[in-house]
Amino acid sequence: MDAELVVSFVIGGGCAVMFAAFIIQLRRGKWLNLIAGNYFVTKEEAKTPEQRLLGRRVSNALVPAIPLSAFIPFAAMAEAAGVQWLQTACLAAVAASTLALVATIAHLFVVYRRETRAAQEKLLAEDPSKEGGVRLNRLQTRVIYGFLLFMLAIYLGTAVYTTLSS
């Protein structure tokens, strides 16, 4: 095995192990402060059911990242060995894992959007003066969705271009 394959296995395997450890710790309710926007959560607040639910949901969304990072070195090894069918199967698994990762993250956003919308409607029913803050929050959500769709379009466009050019 040449150095590129060794590095590929070390990085791919290391990423798979890292994702697995991250998922396990999130499900156990640990490392919740590593979730974006959750850095300043206190230890007491991290033990609440809402934070534990957040950890489980994010860990579920990250599960497809394990096979995504694990199959890349096998595709490189199959290419080096000249086994075309194995390389194709590994790249198909990488593509399926990528789509699953995007789908689970999108599902996570949809679930939290519904819950946030319900909380915002309840807040507006209790205090109509908070409408400006709710409107700003919804604008931020739209900007985030737009950015994610833009990034997905770039990724898919690059994948299609690469496939068609080869």
C-alpha atoms as a PDB file:
ATOM      1  CA  MET A   1       0.000   0.000   0.000  1.00  0.00           C
ATOM      2  CA  ASP A   2       1.370   3.392  -0.880  1.00  0.00           C
ATOM      3  CA  ALA A   3       1.410   6.431   1.386  1.00  0.00           C
ATOM      4  CA  GLU A   4      -1.751   7.971  -0.111  1.00  0.00           C
ATOM      5  CA  LEU A   5      -3.822   4.914   0.752  1.00  0.00           C
ATOM      6  CA  VAL A   6      -2.432   4.771   4.275  1.00  0.00           C
ATOM      7  CA  VAL A   7      -3.243   8.446   4.818  1.00  0.00           C
ATOM      8  CA  SER A   8      -6.694   7.878   3.319  1.00  0.00           C
ATOM      9  CA  PHE A   9      -7.393   5.025   5.736  1.00  0.00           C
ATOM     10  CA  VAL A  10      -6.062   6.944   8.720  1.00  0.00           C
ATOM     11  CA  ILE A  11      -8.112  10.050   7.950  1.00  0.00           C
ATOM     12  CA  GLY A  12     -11.262   8.177   6.870  1.00  0.00           C
ATOM     13  CA  GLY A  13     -11.128   5.757   9.787  1.00  0.00           C
ATOM     14  CA  GLY A  14     -10.291   8.554  12.199  1.00  0.00           C
ATOM     15  CA  CYS A  15     -13.259  10.596  11.011  1.00  0.00           C
ATOM     16  CA  ALA A  16     -15.579   7.594  11.324  1.00  0.00           C
ATOM     17  CA  VAL A  17     -14.367   6.942  14.881  1.00  0.00           C
ATOM     18  CA  MET A  18     -14.658  10.650  15.723  1.00  0.00           C
ATOM     19  CA  PHE A  19     -18.240  10.805  14.441  1.00  0.00           C
ATOM     20  CA  ALA A  20     -19.120   7.619  16.334  1.00  0.00           C
ATOM     21  CA  ALA A  21     -17.679   9.034  19.571  1.00  0.00           C
ATOM     22  CA  PHE A  22     -19.478  12.337  19.023  1.00  0.00           C
ATOM     23  CA  ILE A  23     -22.780  10.553  18.392  1.00  0.00           C
ATOM     24  CA  ILE A  24     -22.405   8.366  21.486  1.00  0.00           C
ATOM     25  CA  GLN A  25     -21.545  11.334  23.693  1.00  0.00           C
ATOM     26  CA  LEU A  26     -24.458  13.399  22.361  1.00  0.00           C
ATOM     27  CA  ARG A  27     -26.865  10.535  23.024  1.00  0.00           C
ATOM     28  CA  ARG A  28     -25.525  10.272  26.568  1.00  0.00           C
ATOM     29  CA  GLY A  29     -26.186  13.989  27.069  1.00  0.00           C
ATOM     30  CA  LYS A  30     -22.496  14.916  27.074  1.00  0.00           C
ATOM     31  CA  TRP A  31     -20.697  17.376  24.798  1.00  0.00           C
ATOM     32  CA  LEU A  32     -23.945  19.289  24.194  1.00  0.00           C
ATOM     33  CA  ASN A  33     -22.010  22.549  24.240  1.00  0.00           C
ATOM     34  CA  LEU A  34     -20.368  21.521  20.935  1.00  0.00           C
ATOM     35  CA  ILE A  35     -23.691  21.952  19.139  1.00  0.00           C
ATOM     36  CA  ALA A  36     -23.832  25.300  17.350  1.00  0.00           C
ATOM     37  CA  GLY A  37     -25.526  27.930  19.493  1.00  0.00           C
ATOM     38  CA  ASN A  38     -25.298  25.761  22.588  1.00  0.00           C
ATOM     39  CA  TYR A  39     -21.880  26.836  23.865  1.00  0.00           C
ATOM     40  CA  PHE A  40     -23.039  28.764  26.908  1.00  0.00           C
ATOM     41  CA  VAL A  41     -25.410  26.108  28.262  1.00  0.00           C
ATOM     42  CA  THR A  42     -24.762  25.517  31.950  1.00  0.00           C
ATOM     43  CA  LYS A  43     -24.256  22.033  33.383  1.00  0.00           C
ATOM     44  CA  GLU A  44     -27.652  22.204  35.090  1.00  0.00           C
ATOM     45  CA  GLU A  45     -29.404  23.277  31.903  1.00  0.00           C
ATOM     46  CA  ALA A  46     -27.620  20.529  29.933  1.00  0.00           C
ATOM     47  CA  LYS A  47     -29.398  17.957  32.105  1.00  0.00           C
ATOM     48  CA  THR A  48     -32.876  19.195  31.134  1.00  0.00           C
ATOM     49  CA  PRO A  49     -35.041  16.971  28.918  1.00  0.00           C
ATOM     50  CA  GLU A  50     -34.996  19.599  26.146  1.00  0.00           C
ATOM     51  CA  GLN A  51     -31.199  19.557  25.953  1.00  0.00           C
ATOM     52  CA  ARG A  52     -31.091  15.756  26.046  1.00  0.00           C
ATOM     53  CA  LEU A  53     -33.648  15.672  23.222  1.00  0.00           C
ATOM     54  CA  LEU A  54     -31.502  18.114  21.252  1.00  0.00           C
ATOM     55  CA  GLY A  55     -28.485  15.844  21.723  1.00  0.00           C
ATOM     56  CA  ARG A  56     -30.400  12.780  20.554  1.00  0.00           C
ATOM     57  CA  ARG A  57     -31.786  14.584  17.511  1.00  0.00           C
ATOM     58  CA  VAL A  58     -28.413  15.943  16.439  1.00  0.00           C
ATOM     59  CA  SER A  59     -26.780  12.549  16.989  1.00  0.00           C
ATOM     60  CA  ASN A  60     -29.440  10.894  14.831  1.00  0.00           C
ATOM     61  CA  ALA A  61     -28.766  13.446  12.105  1.00  0.00           C
ATOM     62  CA  LEU A  62     -25.032  12.676  12.191  1.00  0.00           C
ATOM     63  CA  VAL A  63     -25.295   8.880  11.881  1.00  0.00           C
ATOM     64  CA  PRO A  64     -24.870   8.881   8.052  1.00  0.00           C
ATOM     65  CA  ALA A  65     -21.517  10.663   8.467  1.00  0.00           C
ATOM     66  CA  ILE A  66     -19.954   7.420   9.731  1.00  0.00           C
ATOM     67  CA  PRO A  67     -20.351   5.376   6.522  1.00  0.00           C
ATOM     68  CA  LEU A  68     -19.686   8.526   4.494  1.00  0.00           C
ATOM     69  CA  SER A  69     -16.206   8.883   5.945  1.00  0.00           C
ATOM     70  CA  ALA A  70     -15.575   5.136   6.204  1.00  0.00           C
ATOM     71  CA  PHE A  71     -16.258   4.242   2.550  1.00  0.00           C
ATOM     72  CA  ILE A  72     -13.980   6.876   1.002  1.00  0.00           C
ATOM     73  CA  PRO A  73     -10.725   5.000   1.797  1.00  0.00           C
ATOM     74  CA  PHE A  74     -12.186   1.766   0.446  1.00  0.00           C
ATOM     75  CA  ALA A  75     -13.013   3.526  -2.822  1.00  0.00           C
ATOM     76  CA  ALA A  76      -9.410   4.736  -3.049  1.00  0.00           C
ATOM     77  CA  MET A  77      -8.114   1.238  -2.312  1.00  0.00           C
ATOM     78  CA  ALA A  78     -10.397  -0.299  -4.948  1.00  0.00           C
ATOM     79  CA  GLU A  79      -9.199   2.268  -7.487  1.00  0.00           C
ATOM     80  CA  ALA A  80      -5.554   1.505  -6.684  1.00  0.00           C
ATOM     81  CA  ALA A  81      -6.227  -2.234  -6.992  1.00  0.00           C
ATOM     82  CA  GLY A  82      -8.097  -1.747 -10.268  1.00  0.00           C
ATOM     83  CA  VAL A  83     -11.334  -3.304  -8.987  1.00  0.00           C
ATOM     84  CA  GLN A  84     -13.820  -1.076 -10.790  1.00  0.00           C
ATOM     85  CA  TRP A  85     -17.014  -2.669  -9.433  1.00  0.00           C
ATOM     86  CA  LEU A  86     -15.861  -2.262  -5.823  1.00  0.00           C
ATOM     87  CA  GLN A  87     -14.871   1.342  -6.416  1.00  0.00           C
ATOM     88  CA  THR A  88     -18.274   2.031  -7.971  1.00  0.00           C
ATOM     89  CA  ALA A  89     -20.053   0.352  -5.055  1.00  0.00           C
ATOM     90  CA  CYS A  90     -18.039   2.357  -2.510  1.00  0.00           C
ATOM     91  CA  LEU A  91     -18.684   5.627  -4.329  1.00  0.00           C
ATOM     92  CA  ALA A  92     -22.390   4.762  -4.524  1.00  0.00           C
ATOM     93  CA  ALA A  93     -22.358   4.162  -0.759  1.00  0.00           C
ATOM     94  CA  VAL A  94     -20.629   7.526  -0.261  1.00  0.00           C
ATOM     95  CA  ALA A  95     -23.252   9.232  -2.439  1.00  0.00           C
ATOM     96  CA  ALA A  96     -26.103   7.506  -0.598  1.00  0.00           C
ATOM     97  CA  SER A  97     -24.586   8.449   2.760  1.00  0.00           C
ATOM     98  CA  THR A  98     -24.228  12.054   1.617  1.00  0.00           C
ATOM     99  CA  LEU A  99     -27.869  12.186   0.572  1.00  0.00           C
ATOM    100  CA  ALA A 100     -28.902  10.563   3.852  1.00  0.00           C
ATOM    101  CA  LEU A 101     -26.839  13.109   5.792  1.00  0.00           C
ATOM    102  CA  VAL A 102     -28.464  16.008   3.934  1.00  0.00           C
ATOM    103  CA  ALA A 103     -31.913  14.455   4.436  1.00  0.00           C
ATOM    104  CA  THR A 104     -31.457  13.906   8.173  1.00  0.00           C
ATOM    105  CA  ILE A 105     -30.133  17.430   8.691  1.00  0.00           C
ATOM    106  CA  ALA A 106     -33.036  18.830   6.652  1.00  0.00           C
ATOM    107  CA  HIS A 107     -35.435  16.767   8.777  1.00  0.00           C
ATOM    108  CA  LEU A 108     -33.809  18.187  11.909  1.00  0.00           C
ATOM    109  CA  PHE A 109     -34.375  21.719  10.607  1.00  0.00           C
ATOM    110  CA  VAL A 110     -38.006  20.975   9.718  1.00  0.00           C
ATOM    111  CA  VAL A 111     -38.741  19.524  13.162  1.00  0.00           C
ATOM    112  CA  TYR A 112     -37.175  22.476  14.951  1.00  0.00           C
ATOM    113  CA  ARG A 113     -38.874  24.950  12.637  1.00  0.00           C
ATOM    114  CA  ARG A 114     -42.275  23.491  13.506  1.00  0.00           C
ATOM    115  CA  GLU A 115     -41.522  23.593  17.220  1.00  0.00           C
ATOM    116  CA  THR A 116     -40.135  27.125  17.003  1.00  0.00           C
ATOM    117  CA  ARG A 117     -43.136  28.298  14.981  1.00  0.00           C
ATOM    118  CA  ALA A 118     -45.520  26.881  17.596  1.00  0.00           C
ATOM    119  CA  ALA A 119     -43.564  28.570  20.403  1.00  0.00           C
ATOM    120  CA  GLN A 120     -43.556  31.858  18.492  1.00  0.00           C
ATOM    121  CA  GLU A 121     -47.297  31.695  17.889  1.00  0.00           C
ATOM    122  CA  LYS A 122     -47.842  31.036  21.587  1.00  0.00           C
ATOM    123  CA  LEU A 123     -45.578  33.977  22.482  1.00  0.00           C
ATOM    124  CA  LEU A 124     -47.433  36.292  20.105  1.00  0.00           C
ATOM    125  CA  ALA A 125     -50.779  35.187  21.531  1.00  0.00           C
ATOM    126  CA  GLU A 126     -49.553  36.060  25.027  1.00  0.00           C
ATOM    127  CA  ASP A 127     -47.742  39.310  24.125  1.00  0.00           C
ATOM    128  CA  PRO A 128     -48.372  40.911  20.695  1.00  0.00           C
ATOM    129  CA  SER A 129     -45.610  43.488  21.314  1.00  0.00           C
ATOM    130  CA  LYS A 130     -42.995  40.778  20.598  1.00  0.00           C
ATOM    131  CA  GLU A 131     -43.918  40.652  16.904  1.00  0.00           C
ATOM    132  CA  GLY A 132     -40.722  42.448  15.782  1.00  0.00           C
ATOM    133  CA  GLY A 133     -38.462  39.893  17.451  1.00  0.00           C
ATOM    134  CA  VAL A 134     -40.437  36.995  16.018  1.00  0.00           C
ATOM    135  CA  ARG A 135     -40.276  38.517  12.533  1.00  0.00           C
ATOM    136  CA  LEU A 136     -36.484  38.951  12.822  1.00  0.00           C
ATOM    137  CA  ASN A 137     -36.121  35.347  13.995  1.00  0.00           C
ATOM    138  CA  ARG A 138     -38.083  34.120  10.983  1.00  0.00           C
ATOM    139  CA  LEU A 139     -35.894  36.194   8.652  1.00  0.00           C
ATOM    140  CA  GLN A 140     -32.771  34.627  10.147  1.00  0.00           C
ATOM    141  CA  THR A 141     -34.255  31.184   9.574  1.00  0.00           C
ATOM    142  CA  ARG A 142     -34.974  32.004   5.926  1.00  0.00           C
ATOM    143  CA  VAL A 143     -31.416  33.227   5.415  1.00  0.00           C
ATOM    144  CA  ILE A 144     -30.034  29.994   6.896  1.00  0.00           C
ATOM    145  CA  TYR A 145     -32.290  27.877   4.664  1.00  0.00           C
ATOM    146  CA  GLY A 146     -31.266  29.910   1.627  1.00  0.00           C
ATOM    147  CA  PHE A 147     -27.593  29.446   2.426  1.00  0.00           C
ATOM    148  CA  LEU A 148     -28.032  25.686   2.890  1.00  0.00           C
ATOM    149  CA  LEU A 149     -29.898  25.382  -0.409  1.00  0.00           C
ATOM    150  CA  PHE A 150     -27.166  27.387  -2.136  1.00  0.00           C
ATOM    151  CA  MET A 151     -24.465  25.098  -0.712  1.00  0.00           C
ATOM    152  CA  LEU A 152     -26.448  22.011  -1.732  1.00  0.00           C
ATOM    153  CA  ALA A 153     -26.838  23.396  -5.258  1.00  0.00           C
ATOM    154  CA  ILE A 154     -23.079  23.970  -5.494  1.00  0.00           C
ATOM    155  CA  TYR A 155     -22.380  20.447  -4.235  1.00  0.00           C
ATOM    156  CA  LEU A 156     -24.849  18.802  -6.608  1.00  0.00           C
ATOM    157  CA  GLY A 157     -23.726  20.983  -9.516  1.00  0.00           C
ATOM    158  CA  THR A 158     -20.110  20.030  -8.913  1.00  0.00           C
ATOM    159  CA  ALA A 159     -21.032  16.347  -8.684  1.00  0.00           C
ATOM    160  CA  VAL A 160     -23.021  16.472 -11.929  1.00  0.00           C
ATOM    161  CA  TYR A 161     -20.280  18.419 -13.732  1.00  0.00           C
ATOM    162  CA  THR A 162     -17.595  15.993 -12.545  1.00  0.00           C
ATOM    163  CA  THR A 163     -19.682  13.005 -13.605  1.00  0.00           C
ATOM    164  CA  LEU A 164     -20.462  14.415 -17.040  1.00  0.00           C
ATOM    165  CA  SER A 165     -16.910  15.573 -17.742  1.00  0.00           C
ATOM    166  CA  SER A 166     -15.343  12.175 -17.075  1.00  0.00           C
END
